[in-house]
N, C-alpha and C. Protein backbone atom coordinates (compact mmCIF):
# COMPACT_ATOMS: atom_id res chain seq x y z
N MET A 1 1.61 6.49 -14.92
CA MET A 1 0.03 6.66 -15.11
C MET A 1 -0.78 5.55 -14.47
N VAL A 2 -1.59 5.89 -13.89
CA VAL A 2 -2.73 4.87 -13.70
C VAL A 2 -4.22 5.27 -13.74
N LYS A 3 -5.01 4.49 -14.19
CA LYS A 3 -6.24 4.70 -14.23
C LYS A 3 -7.28 4.48 -13.17
N LEU A 4 -8.14 5.04 -12.70
CA LEU A 4 -9.37 4.76 -11.86
C LEU A 4 -10.32 4.21 -12.23
N LYS A 5 -11.15 3.51 -12.06
CA LYS A 5 -12.49 3.19 -12.53
C LYS A 5 -13.38 2.79 -11.50
N ASN A 6 -14.80 2.87 -11.65
CA ASN A 6 -15.45 2.38 -10.60
C ASN A 6 -15.29 2.60 -9.27
N LEU A 7 -15.35 4.03 -9.07
CA LEU A 7 -15.04 4.54 -7.62
C LEU A 7 -16.44 4.62 -6.84
N LYS A 8 -16.08 4.34 -5.60
CA LYS A 8 -17.21 4.16 -4.66
C LYS A 8 -16.74 4.91 -3.39
N LYS A 9 -17.42 5.82 -2.72
CA LYS A 9 -17.41 6.67 -1.61
C LYS A 9 -18.35 6.28 -0.58
N ASN A 10 -17.97 5.98 0.45
CA ASN A 10 -18.92 6.23 1.77
C ASN A 10 -18.21 7.37 2.99
N ASN A 11 -18.69 7.40 3.88
CA ASN A 11 -18.41 8.29 4.81
C ASN A 11 -16.91 8.03 5.51
N THR A 12 -16.40 6.83 5.45
CA THR A 12 -15.45 6.43 5.91
C THR A 12 -13.93 6.01 5.30
N THR A 13 -14.48 5.39 3.75
CA THR A 13 -13.70 5.05 2.65
C THR A 13 -14.23 5.50 1.19
N ILE A 14 -13.04 5.28 0.55
CA ILE A 14 -13.20 5.41 -0.98
C ILE A 14 -12.52 4.38 -1.88
N GLU A 15 -12.98 3.69 -2.65
CA GLU A 15 -12.40 2.70 -3.12
C GLU A 15 -12.41 2.56 -4.64
N SER A 16 -11.30 2.16 -5.15
CA SER A 16 -11.51 1.99 -6.74
C SER A 16 -11.12 0.87 -7.70
N ASP A 17 -11.27 0.57 -8.89
CA ASP A 17 -10.52 -0.29 -9.49
C ASP A 17 -9.48 0.49 -10.06
N ILE A 18 -8.09 -0.14 -9.99
CA ILE A 18 -6.57 0.45 -10.53
C ILE A 18 -6.31 -0.17 -11.32
N ILE A 19 -5.92 0.46 -12.73
CA ILE A 19 -5.23 -0.06 -14.04
C ILE A 19 -3.94 0.57 -13.91
N PRO A 20 -2.78 -0.21 -13.95
CA PRO A 20 -1.65 0.61 -14.17
C PRO A 20 -1.43 0.92 -15.57
N GLU A 21 -0.55 1.76 -16.19
CA GLU A 21 -0.21 2.03 -17.40
C GLU A 21 0.39 0.71 -18.14
N ASP A 22 -0.03 0.41 -19.26
CA ASP A 22 0.02 -0.49 -20.10
C ASP A 22 -0.12 -2.15 -19.92
N SER A 23 -1.40 -1.80 -18.59
CA SER A 23 -1.95 -3.02 -18.43
C SER A 23 -3.52 -3.15 -18.99
N ASP A 24 -4.10 -4.19 -19.21
CA ASP A 24 -5.39 -4.34 -19.37
C ASP A 24 -6.31 -4.96 -18.43
N ASN A 25 -5.67 -5.44 -17.45
CA ASN A 25 -6.03 -5.93 -15.97
C ASN A 25 -6.23 -5.02 -15.03
N SER A 26 -6.99 -4.69 -14.45
CA SER A 26 -7.26 -4.24 -13.03
C SER A 26 -7.05 -4.80 -11.55
N GLY A 27 -6.54 -3.81 -10.62
CA GLY A 27 -6.76 -4.31 -9.28
C GLY A 27 -7.75 -3.52 -8.48
N HIS A 28 -7.34 -3.51 -7.46
CA HIS A 28 -8.42 -2.53 -6.57
C HIS A 28 -7.54 -2.16 -5.22
N ILE A 29 -8.31 -0.62 -4.95
CA ILE A 29 -7.39 0.00 -4.10
C ILE A 29 -8.77 0.34 -2.93
N VAL A 30 -8.40 0.33 -1.76
CA VAL A 30 -9.52 0.91 -0.62
C VAL A 30 -8.50 1.77 0.27
N VAL A 31 -9.20 2.91 0.58
CA VAL A 31 -8.39 4.09 1.07
C VAL A 31 -9.35 4.55 2.39
N ASP A 32 -8.94 4.51 3.61
CA ASP A 32 -9.47 4.85 5.05
C ASP A 32 -9.37 6.60 4.87
N LEU A 33 -10.51 7.14 4.68
CA LEU A 33 -10.19 8.65 4.58
C LEU A 33 -10.24 9.23 6.00
N ASP A 34 -10.25 8.83 7.12
CA ASP A 34 -9.95 9.21 8.71
C ASP A 34 -8.68 9.10 8.76
N GLN A 35 -7.71 8.15 8.37
CA GLN A 35 -6.61 8.05 8.76
C GLN A 35 -5.39 8.27 7.31
N GLY A 36 -6.04 8.45 6.08
CA GLY A 36 -5.21 8.70 4.81
C GLY A 36 -4.27 7.85 4.63
N ILE A 37 -4.99 6.66 4.93
CA ILE A 37 -3.90 5.17 4.54
C ILE A 37 -4.83 4.51 3.64
N THR A 38 -4.06 3.58 2.87
CA THR A 38 -4.38 2.52 2.24
C THR A 38 -4.66 1.25 2.91
N ILE A 39 -5.90 0.88 3.17
CA ILE A 39 -6.27 -0.06 3.80
C ILE A 39 -5.98 -1.49 3.37
N ASP A 40 -6.38 -1.74 2.12
CA ASP A 40 -6.05 -2.66 1.19
C ASP A 40 -5.78 -2.62 -0.29
N TYR A 41 -5.28 -3.42 -1.25
CA TYR A 41 -4.97 -3.10 -2.23
C TYR A 41 -4.41 -4.27 -3.12
N SER A 42 -4.75 -4.50 -4.41
CA SER A 42 -4.41 -5.49 -5.05
C SER A 42 -3.66 -4.74 -6.61
N LEU A 43 -2.94 -5.38 -7.36
CA LEU A 43 -2.34 -4.87 -8.25
C LEU A 43 -2.13 -5.94 -9.26
N PRO A 44 -2.80 -5.93 -10.83
CA PRO A 44 -2.83 -7.04 -11.75
C PRO A 44 -1.09 -7.90 -11.52
N GLU A 45 -1.32 -8.99 -12.34
CA GLU A 45 -0.23 -9.98 -12.40
C GLU A 45 1.00 -9.00 -13.09
N GLY A 46 1.98 -9.13 -12.71
CA GLY A 46 3.22 -8.66 -13.05
C GLY A 46 3.82 -6.95 -12.86
N TYR A 47 2.28 -6.61 -11.71
CA TYR A 47 2.66 -5.14 -11.59
C TYR A 47 2.67 -5.26 -9.82
N GLU A 48 2.74 -6.44 -9.30
CA GLU A 48 2.92 -6.19 -7.69
C GLU A 48 4.04 -5.53 -7.23
N TRP A 49 5.21 -5.54 -7.85
CA TRP A 49 5.91 -4.39 -6.92
C TRP A 49 5.86 -2.88 -7.33
N CYS A 50 4.89 -2.72 -8.06
CA CYS A 50 4.83 -1.09 -8.27
C CYS A 50 3.97 -0.46 -7.42
N MET A 51 4.45 -0.09 -6.12
CA MET A 51 3.72 0.72 -5.19
C MET A 51 3.76 2.00 -5.45
N ASN A 52 4.23 2.40 -6.40
CA ASN A 52 4.25 3.94 -7.18
C ASN A 52 3.01 4.32 -7.57
N HIS A 53 2.40 3.04 -8.24
CA HIS A 53 0.98 3.16 -8.85
C HIS A 53 0.16 3.45 -7.51
N VAL A 54 0.33 2.32 -6.50
CA VAL A 54 -0.71 2.55 -5.36
C VAL A 54 -0.59 3.85 -4.86
N ASN A 55 0.69 4.71 -4.26
CA ASN A 55 0.44 5.68 -3.48
C ASN A 55 -0.16 6.96 -4.34
N HIS A 56 0.03 7.23 -5.72
CA HIS A 56 -0.27 8.33 -6.77
C HIS A 56 -1.89 7.85 -6.37
N ALA A 57 -2.55 6.68 -6.80
CA ALA A 57 -3.87 6.29 -6.65
C ALA A 57 -4.15 6.73 -5.37
N LYS A 58 -3.77 6.54 -4.28
CA LYS A 58 -4.14 6.92 -2.68
C LYS A 58 -4.16 8.26 -2.55
N ASN A 59 -3.47 8.98 -3.14
CA ASN A 59 -3.52 10.34 -2.97
C ASN A 59 -4.43 11.18 -3.42
N LYS A 60 -4.69 10.46 -5.13
CA LYS A 60 -5.73 10.90 -5.73
C LYS A 60 -7.09 10.62 -5.25
N LEU A 61 -7.28 9.61 -4.78
CA LEU A 61 -8.59 9.07 -4.06
C LEU A 61 -8.99 9.98 -2.96
N ILE A 62 -7.72 10.47 -1.99
CA ILE A 62 -7.97 11.19 -1.02
C ILE A 62 -8.54 12.72 -1.41
N GLU A 63 -8.02 13.11 -2.63
CA GLU A 63 -8.40 14.40 -3.19
C GLU A 63 -9.71 14.19 -3.57
N LEU A 64 -10.12 13.10 -4.39
CA LEU A 64 -11.51 13.23 -5.07
C LEU A 64 -12.33 12.87 -4.17
N ALA A 65 -12.23 12.56 -2.89
CA ALA A 65 -13.03 11.90 -1.78
C ALA A 65 -14.07 13.38 -1.32
N LYS A 66 -13.16 14.72 -1.28
CA LYS A 66 -13.74 16.06 -1.37
C LYS A 66 -14.75 16.10 -2.17
N GLU A 67 -14.85 15.76 -3.54
CA GLU A 67 -15.89 16.04 -4.22
C GLU A 67 -17.03 15.71 -4.24
N GLU A 68 -18.26 16.46 -4.32
CA GLU A 68 -19.62 15.68 -4.30
C GLU A 68 -20.00 14.52 -5.07
N HIS A 69 -19.71 15.09 -6.46
CA HIS A 69 -19.95 13.95 -7.34
C HIS A 69 -18.79 13.51 -7.85
N LEU A 70 -18.52 12.20 -8.46
CA LEU A 70 -17.44 11.67 -8.89
C LEU A 70 -17.61 11.11 -10.14
N SER A 71 -16.58 11.33 -11.21
CA SER A 71 -16.93 10.84 -12.42
C SER A 71 -16.45 8.98 -12.71
N GLU A 72 -16.80 8.76 -14.00
CA GLU A 72 -16.82 7.26 -13.87
C GLU A 72 -15.45 6.80 -14.05
N GLN A 73 -14.51 7.69 -14.35
CA GLN A 73 -13.09 7.14 -14.32
C GLN A 73 -12.26 8.26 -14.28
N TYR A 74 -10.64 8.01 -13.78
CA TYR A 74 -9.87 9.17 -13.71
C TYR A 74 -8.75 8.57 -14.19
N LEU A 75 -7.88 9.67 -15.26
CA LEU A 75 -6.61 9.28 -15.33
C LEU A 75 -5.64 9.95 -14.43
N VAL A 76 -4.73 9.30 -13.43
CA VAL A 76 -3.68 10.06 -12.71
C VAL A 76 -2.25 9.85 -13.57
N MET A 77 -1.70 11.37 -13.72
CA MET A 77 -0.15 11.33 -14.49
C MET A 77 0.71 11.89 -13.54
N TRP A 78 2.08 11.28 -13.54
CA TRP A 78 3.01 11.97 -12.59
C TRP A 78 4.21 12.04 -13.52
N TYR A 79 5.12 12.82 -13.25
CA TYR A 79 6.51 12.79 -13.96
C TYR A 79 7.68 12.89 -12.87
């Protein structure tokens, strides 16, 4: 599970704070919408190894970029 907060979107990128499950601290992710790739990311201390969170956040941000209006936060869950 990962929370996405403070989303910002423009014509070429979408970005968000990224908060992994069980963390009180956030990282950040920036996704290139033209190429569908993660341009930059950081995760909180102790979660640097967890690329699964980054990949799920990236996929959800690409999906959300198609929306006209973004909510303040999203919860991304998988199993």
